[in-house]
Structures are given as C-alpha cells and as structure tokens.
C-alpha cells in the first residue's frame, strides 16, 4: 500500500479525541482506498473535526442549507470511481465531521462514539470517490460499501 497523507485538524472542544480514535479513522480511510482499488496510489485527505456551529456555517456557505449536519464532503474530483487516468499523487478532498452531531447520533443509534465517527468517515470517503445517495439504489450501494469497510475492520454496532 502506498502512503495516505491525512491532514488532521481538531477545531472543536466538545469532546477530546484520543490518538487511538485518530488511528482508527486512518484505518477506515485506508480500507476505503482498498475497496476502491486505490491502495497503490499516494493519496491525501483533509479530515477536520468541528462543532455544530461551524458545520452549520459550512453547510450554509457551500450547500445553501441552513441547518446542522453530521458530515460534509468536499471532493476534489467529480467521480474518481469513474476516472481512467488517475493522478498520482492524488488529493481526494476534505472531510468535515461535527463531533457534536456524532455524539448525538451515537446516542440515538445506541452504539459507540467511535463507531459513529468511523461510519461518518467511511461515508464521506465514498462521497470523495464520487458515490452519492440520491436514489434508493445508490443509497443501498453506499450503505453496503460503508458496512463492508467497517466490518472488515471489526467495527460493529457494539463497538
């Protein structure tokens, strides 16, 4: 596997994020790259943790949606999954996760904060590759890939 460079920023103070979780999120990113057969490329991703106020502002600025969301993805390319000649090294884009939202959703779904953060990271990586969930079929495909990535790493709803 080539190197994945993750530019990690924690810009929130709602919950301290241990190095062990950052390492787990890195594993999720690496596994997503394997699922897309990109493990032999040198890839770069920005992963930023924010609070609800900041993600609300980003959602409004970039998507014209005036509400909080759990994760935003800003892909560098429209659909890497459909490209034939891939750049190497390759900047994939930005992942922005609201830690506040992840905490609330972990509670709502009755699984761990770690599992929710891993799920949101996998979900966002698929968006960076060009997947979306605009149709039921696309949503099923995305959900199956997300679950496969997490299962491969032993990240279950109990974790």
N, C-alpha and C. Protein backbone atom coordinates (compact mmCIF):
# COMPACT_ATOMS: atom_id res chain seq x y z
N UNK A 1 0.84 -1.20 0.00
CA UNK A 1 0.00 0.00 0.00
C UNK A 1 0.87 1.25 0.00
N UNK A 2 0.53 2.19 -0.86
CA UNK A 2 1.20 3.50 -0.85
C UNK A 2 0.78 4.26 0.40
N UNK A 3 1.35 5.40 0.57
CA UNK A 3 1.03 6.22 1.73
C UNK A 3 -0.27 6.99 1.53
N UNK A 4 -1.03 7.10 2.61
CA UNK A 4 -2.14 8.05 2.62
C UNK A 4 -1.73 9.15 3.59
N UNK A 5 -1.81 10.37 3.12
CA UNK A 5 -1.47 11.52 3.96
C UNK A 5 -2.78 12.12 4.45
N UNK A 6 -2.95 12.17 5.76
CA UNK A 6 -4.16 12.75 6.33
C UNK A 6 -3.78 14.02 7.07
N UNK A 7 -4.32 15.12 6.61
CA UNK A 7 -4.11 16.40 7.29
C UNK A 7 -5.23 16.54 8.32
N UNK A 8 -4.92 16.22 9.56
CA UNK A 8 -5.93 16.15 10.62
C UNK A 8 -5.96 17.46 11.42
N UNK A 9 -7.17 17.99 11.59
CA UNK A 9 -7.38 19.17 12.44
C UNK A 9 -8.55 18.91 13.37
N UNK A 10 -8.38 19.23 14.64
CA UNK A 10 -9.47 19.14 15.60
C UNK A 10 -9.78 20.56 16.05
N UNK A 11 -10.86 21.14 15.50
CA UNK A 11 -11.19 22.54 15.77
C UNK A 11 -12.38 22.66 16.71
N UNK A 12 -12.66 21.63 17.49
CA UNK A 12 -13.81 21.67 18.40
C UNK A 12 -13.34 21.35 19.82
N UNK A 13 -14.16 21.74 20.79
CA UNK A 13 -13.80 21.46 22.18
C UNK A 13 -14.93 20.74 22.92
N UNK A 14 -15.83 20.09 22.18
CA UNK A 14 -16.96 19.38 22.80
C UNK A 14 -16.54 18.06 23.41
N UNK A 15 -15.57 17.41 22.78
CA UNK A 15 -15.10 16.11 23.28
C UNK A 15 -13.65 15.94 22.86
N UNK A 16 -12.84 15.48 23.79
CA UNK A 16 -11.45 15.24 23.41
C UNK A 16 -11.40 13.97 22.56
N UNK A 17 -10.60 14.02 21.53
CA UNK A 17 -10.49 12.91 20.58
C UNK A 17 -9.12 12.27 20.78
N UNK A 18 -9.11 11.04 21.31
CA UNK A 18 -7.82 10.39 21.59
C UNK A 18 -7.10 9.97 20.31
N UNK A 19 -5.79 9.83 20.44
CA UNK A 19 -4.96 9.37 19.31
C UNK A 19 -5.45 8.03 18.78
N UNK A 20 -5.97 7.18 19.69
CA UNK A 20 -6.45 5.86 19.26
C UNK A 20 -7.61 5.99 18.27
N UNK A 21 -8.46 6.99 18.45
CA UNK A 21 -9.57 7.20 17.51
C UNK A 21 -9.04 7.75 16.18
N UNK A 22 -8.09 8.66 16.24
CA UNK A 22 -7.49 9.19 15.01
C UNK A 22 -6.85 8.03 14.22
N UNK A 23 -6.20 7.11 14.93
CA UNK A 23 -5.59 5.94 14.28
C UNK A 23 -6.67 5.08 13.63
N UNK A 24 -7.80 4.91 14.31
CA UNK A 24 -8.91 4.10 13.77
C UNK A 24 -9.51 4.77 12.53
N UNK A 25 -9.66 6.09 12.56
CA UNK A 25 -10.19 6.81 11.40
C UNK A 25 -9.23 6.68 10.22
N UNK A 26 -7.94 6.67 10.50
CA UNK A 26 -6.93 6.45 9.46
C UNK A 26 -7.11 5.07 8.83
N UNK A 27 -7.36 4.05 9.67
CA UNK A 27 -7.60 2.70 9.16
C UNK A 27 -8.84 2.66 8.26
N UNK A 28 -9.88 3.39 8.65
CA UNK A 28 -11.10 3.44 7.83
C UNK A 28 -10.79 4.06 6.47
N UNK A 29 -10.03 5.14 6.46
CA UNK A 29 -9.66 5.80 5.20
C UNK A 29 -8.85 4.84 4.33
N UNK A 30 -7.88 4.14 4.95
CA UNK A 30 -7.06 3.19 4.19
C UNK A 30 -7.90 2.05 3.63
N UNK A 31 -8.85 1.54 4.43
CA UNK A 31 -9.70 0.45 3.95
C UNK A 31 -10.60 0.92 2.81
N UNK A 32 -11.12 2.13 2.91
CA UNK A 32 -11.94 2.69 1.82
C UNK A 32 -11.11 2.76 0.54
N UNK A 33 -9.86 3.17 0.65
CA UNK A 33 -8.98 3.23 -0.52
C UNK A 33 -8.79 1.84 -1.12
N UNK A 34 -8.64 0.82 -0.26
CA UNK A 34 -8.52 -0.55 -0.76
C UNK A 34 -9.78 -0.97 -1.50
N UNK A 35 -10.94 -0.65 -0.95
CA UNK A 35 -12.20 -1.03 -1.59
C UNK A 35 -12.35 -0.38 -2.97
N UNK A 36 -11.73 0.75 -3.17
CA UNK A 36 -11.78 1.43 -4.47
C UNK A 36 -10.56 1.13 -5.33
N UNK A 37 -9.74 0.17 -4.88
CA UNK A 37 -8.52 -0.21 -5.60
C UNK A 37 -7.58 0.97 -5.78
N UNK A 38 -7.51 1.80 -4.77
CA UNK A 38 -6.62 2.97 -4.82
C UNK A 38 -5.45 2.83 -3.85
N UNK A 39 -5.26 1.63 -3.29
CA UNK A 39 -4.22 1.46 -2.28
C UNK A 39 -2.81 1.62 -2.84
N UNK A 40 -2.65 1.53 -4.15
CA UNK A 40 -1.33 1.69 -4.74
C UNK A 40 -1.02 3.13 -5.15
N UNK A 41 -1.94 4.03 -4.84
CA UNK A 41 -1.74 5.44 -5.14
C UNK A 41 -1.36 6.19 -3.88
N UNK A 42 -0.60 7.25 -4.07
CA UNK A 42 -0.31 8.14 -2.95
C UNK A 42 -1.46 9.13 -2.87
N UNK A 43 -2.22 9.06 -1.79
CA UNK A 43 -3.43 9.88 -1.65
C UNK A 43 -3.33 10.81 -0.46
N UNK A 44 -4.06 11.91 -0.55
CA UNK A 44 -4.09 12.88 0.54
C UNK A 44 -5.54 13.27 0.81
N UNK A 45 -5.87 13.36 2.09
CA UNK A 45 -7.22 13.72 2.54
C UNK A 45 -7.09 14.71 3.69
N UNK A 46 -7.95 15.72 3.71
CA UNK A 46 -8.07 16.60 4.88
C UNK A 46 -9.23 16.10 5.72
N UNK A 47 -8.98 15.87 7.01
CA UNK A 47 -10.01 15.43 7.94
C UNK A 47 -10.07 16.44 9.08
N UNK A 48 -11.20 17.14 9.17
CA UNK A 48 -11.36 18.21 10.15
C UNK A 48 -12.56 17.93 11.04
N UNK A 49 -12.34 18.03 12.35
CA UNK A 49 -13.41 17.86 13.33
C UNK A 49 -13.84 19.24 13.81
N UNK A 50 -15.15 19.47 13.79
CA UNK A 50 -15.69 20.79 14.15
C UNK A 50 -16.88 20.60 15.10
N UNK A 51 -17.45 21.73 15.54
CA UNK A 51 -18.67 21.68 16.35
C UNK A 51 -19.87 21.97 15.45
N UNK A 52 -21.06 21.91 16.05
CA UNK A 52 -22.28 22.13 15.26
C UNK A 52 -22.33 23.51 14.62
N UNK A 53 -21.88 24.52 15.35
CA UNK A 53 -21.94 25.89 14.82
C UNK A 53 -21.11 26.01 13.54
N UNK A 54 -19.91 25.44 13.54
CA UNK A 54 -19.05 25.55 12.36
C UNK A 54 -19.58 24.74 11.18
N UNK A 55 -20.08 23.53 11.43
CA UNK A 55 -20.59 22.74 10.30
C UNK A 55 -21.87 23.35 9.75
N UNK A 56 -22.66 23.98 10.62
CA UNK A 56 -23.87 24.69 10.17
C UNK A 56 -23.46 25.81 9.20
N UNK A 57 -22.46 26.58 9.58
CA UNK A 57 -21.97 27.67 8.74
C UNK A 57 -21.44 27.16 7.40
N UNK A 58 -20.66 26.07 7.45
CA UNK A 58 -20.12 25.48 6.21
C UNK A 58 -21.24 24.95 5.32
N UNK A 59 -22.24 24.34 5.92
CA UNK A 59 -23.37 23.81 5.17
C UNK A 59 -24.13 24.95 4.47
N UNK A 60 -24.28 26.05 5.17
CA UNK A 60 -24.96 27.22 4.60
C UNK A 60 -24.13 27.83 3.47
N UNK A 61 -22.83 28.02 3.71
CA UNK A 61 -21.95 28.64 2.72
C UNK A 61 -21.81 27.81 1.44
N UNK A 62 -21.64 26.50 1.60
CA UNK A 62 -21.30 25.65 0.45
C UNK A 62 -22.48 24.94 -0.18
N UNK A 63 -23.55 24.72 0.60
CA UNK A 63 -24.68 23.96 0.06
C UNK A 63 -25.99 24.74 0.13
N UNK A 64 -25.93 25.94 0.70
CA UNK A 64 -27.13 26.77 0.87
C UNK A 64 -28.21 26.05 1.68
N UNK A 65 -27.77 25.22 2.63
CA UNK A 65 -28.69 24.51 3.53
C UNK A 65 -28.46 25.06 4.93
N UNK A 66 -29.49 25.68 5.48
CA UNK A 66 -29.38 26.41 6.74
C UNK A 66 -29.69 25.51 7.93
N UNK A 67 -28.85 24.47 8.10
CA UNK A 67 -29.02 23.61 9.26
C UNK A 67 -27.73 22.83 9.54
N UNK A 68 -27.69 22.26 10.73
CA UNK A 68 -26.56 21.44 11.14
C UNK A 68 -26.63 20.10 10.39
N UNK A 69 -25.48 19.54 10.08
CA UNK A 69 -25.41 18.20 9.50
C UNK A 69 -24.30 17.44 10.21
N UNK A 70 -24.20 16.15 9.96
CA UNK A 70 -23.19 15.35 10.65
C UNK A 70 -21.82 15.39 9.97
N UNK A 71 -21.83 15.33 8.65
CA UNK A 71 -20.56 15.30 7.91
C UNK A 71 -20.74 16.00 6.57
N UNK A 72 -19.71 16.70 6.16
CA UNK A 72 -19.67 17.31 4.84
C UNK A 72 -18.45 16.77 4.10
N UNK A 73 -18.63 16.54 2.81
CA UNK A 73 -17.56 16.03 1.96
C UNK A 73 -17.35 17.03 0.83
N UNK A 74 -16.09 17.37 0.62
CA UNK A 74 -15.74 18.29 -0.46
C UNK A 74 -14.75 17.58 -1.39
N UNK A 75 -15.28 16.82 -2.37
CA UNK A 75 -14.40 16.06 -3.26
C UNK A 75 -13.61 16.97 -4.20
N UNK A 76 -12.39 16.56 -4.46
CA UNK A 76 -11.55 17.27 -5.42
C UNK A 76 -12.00 16.98 -6.85
N UNK A 77 -12.51 15.76 -7.07
CA UNK A 77 -12.93 15.33 -8.40
C UNK A 77 -14.41 14.97 -8.36
N UNK A 78 -15.07 15.03 -9.52
CA UNK A 78 -16.49 14.68 -9.58
C UNK A 78 -16.72 13.21 -9.27
N UNK A 79 -15.95 12.34 -9.87
CA UNK A 79 -16.18 10.90 -9.68
C UNK A 79 -14.90 10.12 -9.96
N UNK A 80 -14.04 10.03 -8.97
CA UNK A 80 -12.81 9.25 -9.12
C UNK A 80 -13.13 7.83 -9.55
N UNK A 81 -14.24 7.29 -9.00
CA UNK A 81 -14.59 5.90 -9.30
C UNK A 81 -14.82 5.66 -10.79
N UNK A 82 -15.10 6.72 -11.56
CA UNK A 82 -15.35 6.59 -12.99
C UNK A 82 -14.17 7.06 -13.86
N UNK A 83 -13.10 7.52 -13.23
CA UNK A 83 -11.96 8.05 -13.99
C UNK A 83 -11.03 6.91 -14.43
N UNK A 84 -10.42 7.09 -15.58
CA UNK A 84 -9.49 6.07 -16.07
C UNK A 84 -8.05 6.42 -15.76
N UNK A 85 -7.64 7.64 -16.03
CA UNK A 85 -6.26 8.05 -15.77
C UNK A 85 -6.21 8.86 -14.48
N UNK A 86 -5.83 8.18 -13.41
CA UNK A 86 -5.83 8.83 -12.10
C UNK A 86 -4.49 9.50 -11.84
N UNK A 87 -4.53 10.69 -11.26
CA UNK A 87 -3.28 11.34 -10.89
C UNK A 87 -2.62 10.61 -9.72
N UNK A 88 -1.32 10.66 -9.66
CA UNK A 88 -0.58 10.07 -8.54
C UNK A 88 0.64 10.93 -8.29
N UNK A 89 0.73 11.63 -7.18
CA UNK A 89 -0.18 11.60 -6.02
C UNK A 89 -1.52 12.27 -6.31
N UNK A 90 -2.50 11.95 -5.46
CA UNK A 90 -3.87 12.39 -5.69
C UNK A 90 -4.45 12.99 -4.41
N UNK A 91 -4.84 14.26 -4.51
CA UNK A 91 -5.56 14.90 -3.40
C UNK A 91 -7.04 14.58 -3.58
N UNK A 92 -7.63 13.89 -2.60
CA UNK A 92 -9.02 13.44 -2.73
C UNK A 92 -10.04 14.49 -2.32
N UNK A 93 -9.71 15.29 -1.31
CA UNK A 93 -10.65 16.31 -0.86
C UNK A 93 -10.71 16.42 0.65
N UNK A 94 -11.80 17.05 1.11
CA UNK A 94 -11.97 17.35 2.53
C UNK A 94 -13.13 16.58 3.14
N UNK A 95 -12.91 16.11 4.36
CA UNK A 95 -13.96 15.53 5.19
C UNK A 95 -14.08 16.43 6.41
N UNK A 96 -15.30 16.89 6.70
CA UNK A 96 -15.55 17.72 7.88
C UNK A 96 -16.65 17.03 8.69
N UNK A 97 -16.33 16.68 9.94
CA UNK A 97 -17.28 15.96 10.80
C UNK A 97 -17.62 16.82 12.01
N UNK A 98 -18.91 16.91 12.31
CA UNK A 98 -19.35 17.55 13.55
C UNK A 98 -19.29 16.53 14.68
N UNK A 99 -18.39 16.76 15.62
CA UNK A 99 -18.26 15.87 16.77
C UNK A 99 -19.54 15.90 17.61
N UNK A 100 -20.14 17.08 17.73
CA UNK A 100 -21.41 17.19 18.47
C UNK A 100 -22.48 16.30 17.87
N UNK A 101 -22.63 16.35 16.55
CA UNK A 101 -23.62 15.54 15.85
C UNK A 101 -23.30 14.06 16.02
N UNK A 102 -22.01 13.70 15.89
CA UNK A 102 -21.60 12.30 16.03
C UNK A 102 -21.94 11.77 17.42
N UNK A 103 -21.73 12.59 18.45
CA UNK A 103 -22.08 12.19 19.82
C UNK A 103 -23.58 11.94 19.93
N UNK A 104 -24.38 12.86 19.40
CA UNK A 104 -25.84 12.74 19.48
C UNK A 104 -26.33 11.51 18.70
N UNK A 105 -25.77 11.29 17.51
CA UNK A 105 -26.20 10.16 16.69
C UNK A 105 -25.78 8.83 17.30
N UNK A 106 -24.59 8.78 17.90
CA UNK A 106 -24.17 7.55 18.58
C UNK A 106 -25.17 7.21 19.68
N UNK A 107 -25.61 8.22 20.40
CA UNK A 107 -26.61 8.02 21.45
C UNK A 107 -27.94 7.57 20.84
N UNK A 108 -28.37 8.24 19.77
CA UNK A 108 -29.64 7.90 19.11
C UNK A 108 -29.64 6.46 18.58
N UNK A 109 -28.52 6.07 17.96
CA UNK A 109 -28.43 4.74 17.35
C UNK A 109 -27.95 3.67 18.32
N UNK A 110 -27.65 4.09 19.54
CA UNK A 110 -27.23 3.17 20.61
C UNK A 110 -25.97 2.37 20.25
N UNK A 111 -25.01 3.08 19.69
CA UNK A 111 -23.69 2.49 19.52
C UNK A 111 -22.65 3.52 19.97
N UNK A 112 -21.39 3.14 19.89
CA UNK A 112 -20.33 3.99 20.45
C UNK A 112 -20.04 5.22 19.58
N UNK A 113 -19.47 6.22 20.22
CA UNK A 113 -18.99 7.41 19.52
C UNK A 113 -17.95 7.01 18.48
N UNK A 114 -17.05 6.09 18.85
CA UNK A 114 -16.02 5.63 17.92
C UNK A 114 -16.64 5.05 16.65
N UNK A 115 -17.67 4.20 16.82
CA UNK A 115 -18.32 3.58 15.67
C UNK A 115 -18.96 4.65 14.78
N UNK A 116 -19.61 5.63 15.40
CA UNK A 116 -20.25 6.69 14.62
C UNK A 116 -19.22 7.50 13.84
N UNK A 117 -18.10 7.83 14.47
CA UNK A 117 -17.04 8.58 13.79
C UNK A 117 -16.48 7.77 12.62
N UNK A 118 -16.30 6.47 12.82
CA UNK A 118 -15.80 5.61 11.75
C UNK A 118 -16.80 5.53 10.60
N UNK A 119 -18.09 5.39 10.94
CA UNK A 119 -19.12 5.34 9.91
C UNK A 119 -19.13 6.64 9.09
N UNK A 120 -19.10 7.78 9.77
CA UNK A 120 -19.14 9.07 9.06
C UNK A 120 -17.91 9.24 8.17
N UNK A 121 -16.76 8.75 8.63
CA UNK A 121 -15.54 8.82 7.82
C UNK A 121 -15.67 7.95 6.57
N UNK A 122 -16.16 6.72 6.74
CA UNK A 122 -16.36 5.83 5.58
C UNK A 122 -17.36 6.45 4.61
N UNK A 123 -18.45 6.97 5.14
CA UNK A 123 -19.49 7.60 4.32
C UNK A 123 -18.89 8.75 3.49
N UNK A 124 -18.12 9.58 4.15
CA UNK A 124 -17.54 10.73 3.48
C UNK A 124 -16.50 10.32 2.44
N UNK A 125 -15.70 9.29 2.75
CA UNK A 125 -14.73 8.81 1.76
C UNK A 125 -15.44 8.37 0.49
N UNK A 126 -16.57 7.70 0.63
CA UNK A 126 -17.31 7.27 -0.57
C UNK A 126 -17.78 8.47 -1.37
N UNK A 127 -18.18 9.54 -0.69
CA UNK A 127 -18.54 10.77 -1.41
C UNK A 127 -17.31 11.33 -2.14
N UNK A 128 -16.14 11.27 -1.51
CA UNK A 128 -14.93 11.76 -2.18
C UNK A 128 -14.62 10.96 -3.44
N UNK A 129 -15.02 9.68 -3.45
CA UNK A 129 -14.82 8.83 -4.63
C UNK A 129 -15.86 9.09 -5.71
N UNK A 130 -16.95 9.76 -5.36
CA UNK A 130 -17.99 10.06 -6.35
C UNK A 130 -19.31 9.34 -6.13
N UNK A 131 -19.43 8.60 -5.05
CA UNK A 131 -20.71 7.95 -4.74
C UNK A 131 -21.67 8.98 -4.16
N UNK A 132 -22.97 8.72 -4.34
CA UNK A 132 -23.96 9.57 -3.68
C UNK A 132 -25.14 8.70 -3.26
N UNK A 133 -26.12 9.31 -2.63
CA UNK A 133 -27.29 8.57 -2.17
C UNK A 133 -28.56 9.30 -2.59
N UNK A 134 -28.55 9.74 -3.85
CA UNK A 134 -29.70 10.47 -4.39
C UNK A 134 -30.87 9.55 -4.71
N UNK A 135 -30.58 8.30 -5.08
CA UNK A 135 -31.66 7.35 -5.37
C UNK A 135 -31.59 6.22 -4.35
N UNK A 136 -32.67 5.45 -4.23
CA UNK A 136 -32.69 4.31 -3.31
C UNK A 136 -31.60 3.31 -3.65
N UNK A 137 -31.41 3.08 -4.95
CA UNK A 137 -30.39 2.12 -5.39
C UNK A 137 -28.99 2.61 -5.00
N UNK A 138 -28.71 3.89 -5.25
CA UNK A 138 -27.41 4.46 -4.87
C UNK A 138 -27.21 4.39 -3.36
N UNK A 139 -28.27 4.67 -2.62
CA UNK A 139 -28.17 4.64 -1.16
C UNK A 139 -27.86 3.23 -0.66
N UNK A 140 -28.52 2.22 -1.26
CA UNK A 140 -28.25 0.83 -0.87
C UNK A 140 -26.81 0.46 -1.17
N UNK A 141 -26.31 0.88 -2.34
CA UNK A 141 -24.93 0.58 -2.72
C UNK A 141 -23.96 1.23 -1.73
N UNK A 142 -24.21 2.48 -1.40
CA UNK A 142 -23.34 3.19 -0.46
C UNK A 142 -23.36 2.54 0.91
N UNK A 143 -24.55 2.21 1.39
CA UNK A 143 -24.69 1.61 2.72
C UNK A 143 -23.97 0.27 2.79
N UNK A 144 -24.08 -0.53 1.71
CA UNK A 144 -23.40 -1.83 1.68
C UNK A 144 -21.89 -1.65 1.73
N UNK A 145 -21.37 -0.68 0.98
CA UNK A 145 -19.92 -0.41 1.00
C UNK A 145 -19.47 0.09 2.37
N UNK A 146 -20.24 1.00 2.96
CA UNK A 146 -19.90 1.52 4.29
C UNK A 146 -19.81 0.38 5.30
N UNK A 147 -20.82 -0.47 5.30
CA UNK A 147 -20.85 -1.59 6.25
C UNK A 147 -19.71 -2.56 5.99
N UNK A 148 -19.40 -2.83 4.72
CA UNK A 148 -18.29 -3.74 4.38
C UNK A 148 -16.97 -3.20 4.89
N UNK A 149 -16.74 -1.92 4.69
CA UNK A 149 -15.50 -1.29 5.16
C UNK A 149 -15.38 -1.42 6.67
N UNK A 150 -16.45 -1.12 7.38
CA UNK A 150 -16.42 -1.18 8.85
C UNK A 150 -16.28 -2.63 9.33
N UNK A 151 -17.02 -3.55 8.72
CA UNK A 151 -16.93 -4.96 9.11
C UNK A 151 -15.52 -5.50 8.92
N UNK A 152 -14.89 -5.13 7.82
CA UNK A 152 -13.53 -5.58 7.53
C UNK A 152 -12.57 -5.19 8.66
N UNK A 153 -12.86 -4.08 9.31
CA UNK A 153 -12.02 -3.59 10.41
C UNK A 153 -12.55 -4.02 11.78
N UNK A 154 -13.59 -4.83 11.80
CA UNK A 154 -14.15 -5.29 13.07
C UNK A 154 -14.91 -4.21 13.83
N UNK A 155 -15.40 -3.21 13.10
CA UNK A 155 -16.14 -2.12 13.74
C UNK A 155 -17.63 -2.44 13.62
N UNK A 156 -18.20 -2.91 14.71
CA UNK A 156 -19.60 -3.31 14.72
C UNK A 156 -20.42 -2.26 15.47
N UNK A 157 -21.71 -2.45 15.48
CA UNK A 157 -22.58 -1.52 16.21
C UNK A 157 -22.31 -1.57 17.71
N UNK A 158 -21.72 -2.66 18.18
CA UNK A 158 -21.40 -2.77 19.61
C UNK A 158 -20.14 -1.99 19.98
N UNK A 159 -19.30 -1.73 18.98
CA UNK A 159 -18.01 -1.07 19.26
C UNK A 159 -18.23 0.40 19.54
